[in-house]
């Protein structure tokens, strides 16, 4: 997921994606705590995707406030 893809989405779609990623991050943390996590790199990519979506949402909110 890159910023160009995210810029084309509406804020509602971004919030839905953000919610899904946060749920996935929770599940990944749970798997890591129980020792069942196989792909440890996925935690990092999910965290970065969450940050990317939050950045785009904040930029869209700043543009709307102008």
C-alpha atoms as a PDB file:
ATOM      1  CA  UNK A   1       0.000   0.000   0.000  1.00  0.00           C
ATOM      2  CA  UNK A   2       1.499   3.323  -1.015  1.00  0.00           C
ATOM      3  CA  UNK A   3       0.494   6.936  -0.540  1.00  0.00           C
ATOM      4  CA  UNK A   4      -0.683   7.359  -4.140  1.00  0.00           C
ATOM      5  CA  UNK A   5      -3.273   4.622  -3.657  1.00  0.00           C
ATOM      6  CA  UNK A   6      -4.377   6.145  -0.376  1.00  0.00           C
ATOM      7  CA  UNK A   7      -4.800   9.647  -1.810  1.00  0.00           C
ATOM      8  CA  UNK A   8      -7.417   8.375  -4.230  1.00  0.00           C
ATOM      9  CA  UNK A   9      -9.585   6.916  -1.455  1.00  0.00           C
ATOM     10  CA  UNK A  10     -12.250   8.778   0.476  1.00  0.00           C
ATOM     11  CA  UNK A  11     -11.819   9.441   4.203  1.00  0.00           C
ATOM     12  CA  UNK A  12     -14.506   6.853   4.990  1.00  0.00           C
ATOM     13  CA  UNK A  13     -12.649   4.197   3.010  1.00  0.00           C
ATOM     14  CA  UNK A  14      -9.416   5.162   4.765  1.00  0.00           C
ATOM     15  CA  UNK A  15     -11.064   4.833   8.173  1.00  0.00           C
ATOM     16  CA  UNK A  16     -12.343   1.378   7.225  1.00  0.00           C
ATOM     17  CA  UNK A  17      -8.844   0.352   6.113  1.00  0.00           C
ATOM     18  CA  UNK A  18      -7.404   1.777   9.317  1.00  0.00           C
ATOM     19  CA  UNK A  19      -9.836  -0.219  11.437  1.00  0.00           C
ATOM     20  CA  UNK A  20      -8.993  -3.426   9.550  1.00  0.00           C
ATOM     21  CA  UNK A  21      -5.258  -2.828   9.971  1.00  0.00           C
ATOM     22  CA  UNK A  22      -5.625  -2.137  13.679  1.00  0.00           C
ATOM     23  CA  UNK A  23      -7.523  -5.407  14.097  1.00  0.00           C
ATOM     24  CA  UNK A  24      -4.800  -7.213  12.184  1.00  0.00           C
ATOM     25  CA  UNK A  25      -2.125  -5.591  14.347  1.00  0.00           C
ATOM     26  CA  UNK A  26      -3.954  -6.767  17.464  1.00  0.00           C
ATOM     27  CA  UNK A  27      -4.141 -10.317  16.116  1.00  0.00           C
ATOM     28  CA  UNK A  28      -0.464 -10.244  15.193  1.00  0.00           C
ATOM     29  CA  UNK A  29       0.498  -9.077  18.692  1.00  0.00           C
ATOM     30  CA  UNK A  30      -1.621 -11.854  20.157  1.00  0.00           C
ATOM     31  CA  UNK A  31       0.061 -14.443  17.919  1.00  0.00           C
ATOM     32  CA  UNK A  32       3.471 -13.096  18.858  1.00  0.00           C
ATOM     33  CA  UNK A  33       2.698 -13.346  22.571  1.00  0.00           C
ATOM     34  CA  UNK A  34       1.584 -16.958  22.222  1.00  0.00           C
ATOM     35  CA  UNK A  35       4.517 -17.879  19.990  1.00  0.00           C
ATOM     36  CA  UNK A  36       2.415 -18.629  16.920  1.00  0.00           C
ATOM     37  CA  UNK A  37       3.607 -15.743  14.734  1.00  0.00           C
ATOM     38  CA  UNK A  38       5.364 -17.027  11.626  1.00  0.00           C
ATOM     39  CA  UNK A  39       5.889 -13.860   9.572  1.00  0.00           C
ATOM     40  CA  UNK A  40       7.432 -11.364  11.978  1.00  0.00           C
ATOM     41  CA  UNK A  41       7.974  -8.786   9.224  1.00  0.00           C
ATOM     42  CA  UNK A  42       4.203  -8.415   8.836  1.00  0.00           C
ATOM     43  CA  UNK A  43       4.037  -6.582  12.187  1.00  0.00           C
ATOM     44  CA  UNK A  44       6.332  -3.889  10.832  1.00  0.00           C
ATOM     45  CA  UNK A  45       4.472  -3.471   7.553  1.00  0.00           C
ATOM     46  CA  UNK A  46       1.104  -3.236   9.296  1.00  0.00           C
ATOM     47  CA  UNK A  47       2.445  -0.612  11.687  1.00  0.00           C
ATOM     48  CA  UNK A  48       3.804   1.432   8.797  1.00  0.00           C
ATOM     49  CA  UNK A  49       0.566   1.108   6.829  1.00  0.00           C
ATOM     50  CA  UNK A  50      -1.353   2.411   9.842  1.00  0.00           C
ATOM     51  CA  UNK A  51       0.978   5.397  10.048  1.00  0.00           C
ATOM     52  CA  UNK A  52       0.642   5.998   6.297  1.00  0.00           C
ATOM     53  CA  UNK A  53      -3.155   6.021   6.490  1.00  0.00           C
ATOM     54  CA  UNK A  54      -3.135   8.354   9.497  1.00  0.00           C
ATOM     55  CA  UNK A  55      -0.828  10.737   7.645  1.00  0.00           C
ATOM     56  CA  UNK A  56      -3.081  10.839   4.600  1.00  0.00           C
ATOM     57  CA  UNK A  57      -6.193  11.313   6.772  1.00  0.00           C
ATOM     58  CA  UNK A  58      -4.554  14.221   8.598  1.00  0.00           C
ATOM     59  CA  UNK A  59      -3.494  15.807   5.306  1.00  0.00           C
ATOM     60  CA  UNK A  60      -7.017  15.504   3.933  1.00  0.00           C
ATOM     61  CA  UNK A  61      -8.441  17.029   7.112  1.00  0.00           C
ATOM     62  CA  UNK A  62      -5.982  19.941   6.898  1.00  0.00           C
ATOM     63  CA  UNK A  63      -6.942  20.559   3.262  1.00  0.00           C
ATOM     64  CA  UNK A  64     -10.632  20.504   4.157  1.00  0.00           C
ATOM     65  CA  UNK A  65     -10.068  23.004   6.976  1.00  0.00           C
ATOM     66  CA  UNK A  66      -8.516  25.570   4.622  1.00  0.00           C
END
